[in-house]
Amino acid sequence: MTADVLPNVRVRCHELAPRVGDLRSNLAMIDEAIARASAADVDLLVLPELATSGYYLRDAEEVHSVAMTAHDPAFARWSAAAGKMAVVVGFAESDGETIYNSAAVVNGGGVLTVYRKTHLWGVEHESFTPGSAPPPVVDTAFGRLGILICYDMEFPELPRMLALQGADIIAVPTNWPPVPRPNGEHPPEVIQAMASARSSRVAIACCDRSGVERGNDWTRGSTVIGADGWPAGERVSDDCIDAKIAIDRDRRISDYNDALGDRRPQLYRL
């Protein structure tokens, strides 16, 4: 576990608007986002799901045209630009003929990990293969970082599992399409993230995206949630949500209760 943990971690969710199928433009957009975050002394930058490719890809040919490996020179460039900052970026990952909806974590040390989305949503099944490995937790300059992607968050076992592995913050690149909700209510995905944060006493940063893609809008529901379950960020520009998150590994919620220590797994087995 990282020895030096910042008392306040500056987190940014940058709602990029990727151009579907335009890899070169999207890589340049990510270059700029990392530069902006570095200039603002951000500790953790979370970018959207499939930020390198766009989401509504037409067919297998278009998917393959924008897929990349974690050995692509872009990752080395992002690593050099990140320095101590951790950057989480969603990308279409190529592994031979197999394509995954993936997220990489990079910092000045290189690519720390790549997570392949395990729960695919809707038309993703036509283009991507679900990952078979559980989501990771990696050490960063500010603490331990867990990774999920979008629909993964709707399975509460996953954020709980990351909390049990010692994650201080969970980063979640997303592409949330709008869904109906009552006036004044948070998007349902945000409510799910708030519940997961509160139940496991772990901070969660969800980064949605912006723009209109082939006629499809987005929720733009990016939010940074503290370990108490409440949104903690503010929109500092049209496309950026920033927050300062206090890292506290004490999961006790009263003199008698511990959010993780009170679990009774023997009763939860089917």
Protein backbone atom coordinates (compact mmCIF):
# COMPACT_ATOMS: atom_id res chain seq x y z
CA MET A 1 0.00 0.00 0.00
CA THR A 2 1.29 3.46 -0.86
CA ALA A 3 3.02 5.05 2.11
CA ASP A 4 2.46 8.72 1.23
CA VAL A 5 -1.26 9.37 0.94
CA LEU A 6 -2.45 12.89 0.17
CA PRO A 7 -4.99 14.25 2.68
CA ASN A 8 -6.86 15.86 -0.21
CA VAL A 9 -6.73 14.26 -3.65
CA ARG A 10 -7.63 16.58 -6.50
CA VAL A 11 -9.80 14.62 -8.90
CA ARG A 12 -10.96 15.78 -12.33
CA CYS A 13 -13.55 14.19 -14.61
CA HIS A 14 -13.12 15.66 -18.10
CA GLU A 15 -16.19 15.16 -20.29
CA LEU A 16 -14.54 14.91 -23.68
CA ALA A 17 -16.57 14.73 -26.89
CA PRO A 18 -14.77 12.09 -28.96
CA ARG A 19 -15.29 12.06 -32.72
CA VAL A 20 -16.57 8.61 -33.57
CA GLY A 21 -14.13 6.71 -35.75
CA ASP A 22 -11.54 9.52 -35.76
CA LEU A 23 -8.62 8.09 -33.81
CA ARG A 24 -6.13 10.85 -34.63
CA SER A 25 -8.43 13.68 -33.49
CA ASN A 26 -9.34 11.84 -30.31
CA LEU A 27 -5.71 11.19 -29.37
CA ALA A 28 -4.97 14.90 -29.79
CA MET A 29 -8.00 15.75 -27.64
CA ILE A 30 -6.66 13.48 -24.89
CA ASP A 31 -3.20 15.09 -25.19
CA GLU A 32 -4.80 18.47 -24.50
CA ALA A 33 -6.90 17.17 -21.59
CA ILE A 34 -3.81 15.74 -19.87
CA ALA A 35 -1.91 18.99 -20.38
CA ARG A 36 -4.78 21.01 -18.89
CA ALA A 37 -5.03 18.69 -15.88
CA SER A 38 -1.29 18.77 -15.29
CA ALA A 39 -1.30 22.56 -15.35
CA ALA A 40 -4.10 22.51 -12.74
CA ASP A 41 -2.13 20.18 -10.41
CA VAL A 42 -4.70 17.40 -10.71
CA ASP A 43 -3.81 14.12 -8.95
CA LEU A 44 -6.32 11.88 -10.75
CA LEU A 45 -7.73 12.57 -14.21
CA VAL A 46 -10.60 10.37 -15.37
CA LEU A 47 -11.60 10.46 -19.04
CA PRO A 48 -14.67 8.88 -20.67
CA GLU A 49 -15.26 5.34 -21.79
CA LEU A 50 -13.95 4.70 -25.33
CA ALA A 51 -12.44 8.18 -25.40
CA THR A 52 -10.08 7.19 -28.22
CA SER A 53 -12.74 5.84 -30.57
CA GLY A 54 -16.23 7.09 -29.82
CA TYR A 55 -19.06 4.77 -28.86
CA TYR A 56 -21.54 4.19 -31.70
CA LEU A 57 -19.16 2.43 -34.08
CA ARG A 58 -20.90 1.14 -37.21
CA ASP A 59 -19.38 -2.27 -37.73
CA ALA A 60 -16.41 -4.55 -37.14
CA GLU A 61 -14.36 -2.78 -39.80
CA GLU A 62 -14.77 0.61 -38.11
CA VAL A 63 -14.06 -0.89 -34.68
CA HIS A 64 -10.79 -2.40 -35.91
CA SER A 65 -9.80 0.88 -37.59
CA VAL A 66 -9.71 2.69 -34.23
CA ALA A 67 -8.53 -0.15 -31.97
CA MET A 68 -5.09 0.12 -30.39
CA THR A 69 -2.87 -1.81 -27.99
CA ALA A 70 -1.50 -0.54 -24.70
CA HIS A 71 1.91 -0.49 -26.42
CA ASP A 72 0.78 2.25 -28.80
CA PRO A 73 3.12 5.29 -28.75
CA ALA A 74 0.19 7.41 -27.49
CA PHE A 75 0.41 5.71 -24.09
CA ALA A 76 4.11 6.51 -23.76
CA ARG A 77 3.32 10.13 -24.65
CA TRP A 78 0.54 10.31 -22.07
CA SER A 79 2.78 8.71 -19.45
CA ALA A 80 5.48 11.33 -20.00
CA ALA A 81 2.92 14.14 -19.78
CA ALA A 82 1.21 12.74 -16.67
CA GLY A 83 4.16 12.64 -14.29
CA LYS A 84 2.84 11.90 -10.78
CA MET A 85 -0.75 12.34 -11.94
CA ALA A 86 -2.74 9.16 -12.64
CA VAL A 87 -4.75 9.24 -15.87
CA VAL A 88 -7.59 6.82 -16.58
CA VAL A 89 -8.55 6.66 -20.25
CA GLY A 90 -11.08 4.44 -21.99
CA PHE A 91 -10.03 2.90 -25.31
CA ALA A 92 -10.89 0.18 -27.80
CA GLU A 93 -8.17 -2.38 -27.13
CA SER A 94 -6.94 -4.70 -29.83
CA ASP A 95 -5.63 -8.18 -28.96
CA GLY A 96 -5.24 -9.79 -32.34
CA GLU A 97 -8.70 -10.19 -33.81
CA THR A 98 -10.34 -9.67 -30.42
CA ILE A 99 -11.41 -6.17 -29.36
CA TYR A 100 -12.13 -5.16 -25.77
CA ASN A 101 -13.78 -2.10 -24.26
CA SER A 102 -10.89 -1.25 -21.96
CA ALA A 103 -9.50 1.38 -19.60
CA ALA A 104 -5.82 2.04 -18.99
CA VAL A 105 -4.22 3.73 -15.99
CA VAL A 106 -1.05 5.63 -16.84
CA ASN A 107 1.37 7.83 -14.92
CA GLY A 108 5.00 8.78 -15.27
CA GLY A 109 5.96 5.16 -14.70
CA GLY A 110 4.08 3.99 -17.79
CA VAL A 111 0.90 1.93 -18.13
CA LEU A 112 0.08 0.69 -14.62
CA THR A 113 -2.78 -1.58 -15.64
CA VAL A 114 -5.37 -2.25 -18.32
CA TYR A 115 -8.86 -3.37 -17.35
CA ARG A 116 -11.20 -4.99 -19.86
CA LYS A 117 -14.88 -4.27 -19.21
CA THR A 118 -16.57 -7.40 -17.91
CA HIS A 119 -20.22 -6.36 -18.31
CA LEU A 120 -21.08 -5.21 -21.83
CA TRP A 121 -24.09 -3.00 -22.54
CA GLY A 122 -26.44 -3.23 -25.52
CA VAL A 123 -24.78 -3.02 -28.93
CA GLU A 124 -21.34 -3.40 -27.35
CA HIS A 125 -21.97 -7.14 -27.70
CA GLU A 126 -21.70 -6.75 -31.47
CA SER A 127 -18.22 -5.19 -31.38
CA PHE A 128 -16.46 -6.18 -28.15
CA THR A 129 -15.56 -9.26 -26.16
CA PRO A 130 -16.15 -9.09 -22.39
CA GLY A 131 -13.07 -9.24 -20.21
CA SER A 132 -12.52 -12.35 -18.11
CA ALA A 133 -10.31 -10.89 -15.35
CA PRO A 134 -11.65 -9.07 -12.27
CA PRO A 135 -11.14 -5.30 -12.03
CA PRO A 136 -7.76 -4.26 -10.62
CA VAL A 137 -6.54 -2.07 -7.80
CA VAL A 138 -3.21 -0.29 -8.39
CA ASP A 139 -0.92 1.88 -6.29
CA THR A 140 -0.59 5.53 -7.31
CA ALA A 141 1.05 8.62 -5.81
CA PHE A 142 -2.12 9.45 -3.87
CA GLY A 143 -3.29 5.99 -2.79
CA ARG A 144 -4.91 2.87 -4.18
CA LEU A 145 -7.04 3.19 -7.31
CA GLY A 146 -9.68 0.72 -8.49
CA ILE A 147 -11.13 0.65 -12.02
CA LEU A 148 -14.58 -0.14 -13.41
CA ILE A 149 -16.24 0.82 -16.70
CA CYS A 150 -19.81 2.14 -17.01
CA TYR A 151 -22.30 -0.77 -16.78
CA ASP A 152 -19.95 -2.57 -14.36
CA MET A 153 -21.11 -0.10 -11.70
CA GLU A 154 -24.63 -1.54 -11.83
CA PHE A 155 -23.36 -4.74 -10.23
CA PRO A 156 -22.74 -3.80 -6.57
CA GLU A 157 -20.47 -6.79 -6.06
CA LEU A 158 -17.75 -5.05 -8.10
CA PRO A 159 -17.30 -1.76 -6.18
CA ARG A 160 -17.58 -3.74 -2.94
CA MET A 161 -14.87 -6.13 -4.15
CA LEU A 162 -12.57 -3.20 -4.97
CA ALA A 163 -13.19 -1.66 -1.54
CA LEU A 164 -12.32 -4.98 0.09
CA GLN A 165 -9.06 -4.96 -1.88
CA GLY A 166 -8.21 -1.60 -0.34
CA ALA A 167 -9.21 0.84 -3.07
CA ASP A 168 -9.22 4.43 -1.83
CA ILE A 169 -10.92 5.74 -4.98
CA ILE A 170 -12.71 3.93 -7.81
CA ALA A 171 -12.47 5.54 -11.25
CA VAL A 172 -15.30 4.79 -13.67
CA PRO A 173 -15.05 5.92 -17.31
CA THR A 174 -18.61 5.94 -18.67
CA ASN A 175 -20.83 6.72 -21.67
CA TRP A 176 -24.29 7.18 -20.16
CA PRO A 177 -27.18 7.59 -22.61
CA PRO A 178 -30.06 9.67 -21.20
CA VAL A 179 -32.89 7.76 -19.53
CA PRO A 180 -36.17 9.08 -18.10
CA ARG A 181 -36.09 10.28 -14.50
CA PRO A 182 -38.32 12.41 -12.27
CA ASN A 183 -37.69 16.15 -12.25
CA GLY A 184 -34.94 17.12 -9.86
CA GLU A 185 -33.54 13.62 -9.47
CA HIS A 186 -29.97 12.53 -10.09
CA PRO A 187 -29.41 10.20 -13.04
CA PRO A 188 -29.98 6.63 -11.84
CA GLU A 189 -26.35 5.73 -12.54
CA VAL A 190 -25.24 8.48 -10.15
CA ILE A 191 -27.62 7.20 -7.47
CA GLN A 192 -26.12 3.72 -7.85
CA ALA A 193 -22.62 5.16 -7.50
CA MET A 194 -23.63 7.15 -4.42
CA ALA A 195 -25.07 4.02 -2.82
CA SER A 196 -21.93 2.02 -3.58
CA ALA A 197 -19.68 4.75 -2.21
CA ARG A 198 -21.66 5.02 1.01
CA SER A 199 -22.08 1.28 1.59
CA SER A 200 -18.35 0.56 1.19
CA ARG A 201 -16.97 3.92 2.39
CA VAL A 202 -14.98 4.42 -0.80
CA ALA A 203 -14.77 7.47 -3.07
CA ILE A 204 -15.98 7.04 -6.67
CA ALA A 205 -15.27 9.24 -9.70
CA CYS A 206 -17.52 8.65 -12.72
CA CYS A 207 -16.60 10.45 -15.97
CA ASP A 208 -19.35 10.67 -18.59
CA ARG A 209 -18.90 12.33 -22.00
CA SER A 210 -20.31 15.20 -24.02
CA GLY A 211 -21.16 15.93 -27.64
CA VAL A 212 -23.70 14.36 -29.99
CA GLU A 213 -22.66 11.14 -31.69
CA ARG A 214 -24.60 9.92 -34.71
CA GLY A 215 -27.75 11.47 -33.32
CA ASN A 216 -27.21 10.21 -29.77
CA ASP A 217 -26.95 12.51 -26.73
CA TRP A 218 -25.36 11.76 -23.38
CA THR A 219 -26.45 12.27 -19.78
CA ARG A 220 -23.31 14.29 -18.94
CA GLY A 221 -23.72 12.96 -15.43
CA SER A 222 -20.06 13.06 -14.40
CA THR A 223 -19.73 13.14 -10.65
CA VAL A 224 -17.12 12.73 -7.94
CA ILE A 225 -18.54 11.13 -4.80
CA GLY A 226 -16.91 11.10 -1.38
CA ALA A 227 -16.70 8.04 0.84
CA ASP A 228 -19.75 9.38 2.69
CA GLY A 229 -21.85 8.86 -0.46
CA TRP A 230 -22.41 12.54 -1.28
CA PRO A 231 -21.35 14.29 -4.51
CA ALA A 232 -18.31 16.45 -3.81
CA GLY A 233 -17.37 17.97 -7.15
CA GLU A 234 -18.14 21.20 -8.93
CA ARG A 235 -18.17 22.07 -12.61
CA VAL A 236 -15.16 24.33 -13.10
CA SER A 237 -15.71 24.63 -16.86
CA ASP A 238 -18.25 23.41 -19.36
CA ASP A 239 -16.46 20.08 -19.67
CA CYS A 240 -14.61 19.58 -16.35
CA ILE A 241 -15.81 18.54 -12.90
CA ASP A 242 -13.20 18.94 -10.13
CA ALA A 243 -13.26 17.81 -6.53
CA LYS A 244 -10.96 17.47 -3.55
CA ILE A 245 -11.40 14.11 -1.88
CA ALA A 246 -10.04 13.29 1.57
CA ILE A 247 -8.54 9.80 1.76
CA ASP A 248 -9.58 8.04 4.97
CA ARG A 249 -9.00 4.31 5.29
CA ASP A 250 -10.99 4.07 8.50
CA ARG A 251 -14.21 2.32 7.43
CA ARG A 252 -15.84 2.72 10.85
CA ILE A 253 -19.18 4.54 10.78
CA SER A 254 -19.77 4.63 14.55
CA ASP A 255 -18.08 3.52 17.74
CA TYR A 256 -19.69 0.13 17.20
CA ASN A 257 -19.89 -0.27 13.43
CA ASP A 258 -17.53 -0.82 10.50
CA ALA A 259 -18.84 -0.74 6.93
CA LEU A 260 -16.63 -3.63 5.88
CA GLY A 261 -15.81 -5.27 9.20
CA ASP A 262 -19.49 -5.88 10.02
CA ARG A 263 -20.03 -8.00 6.92
CA ARG A 264 -21.18 -11.60 7.51
CA PRO A 265 -20.31 -13.29 4.22
CA GLN A 266 -21.34 -16.71 5.50
CA LEU A 267 -24.96 -15.48 5.43
CA TYR A 268 -24.77 -14.09 1.89
CA ARG A 269 -24.08 -17.30 0.02
CA LEU A 270 -26.90 -18.57 -2.15
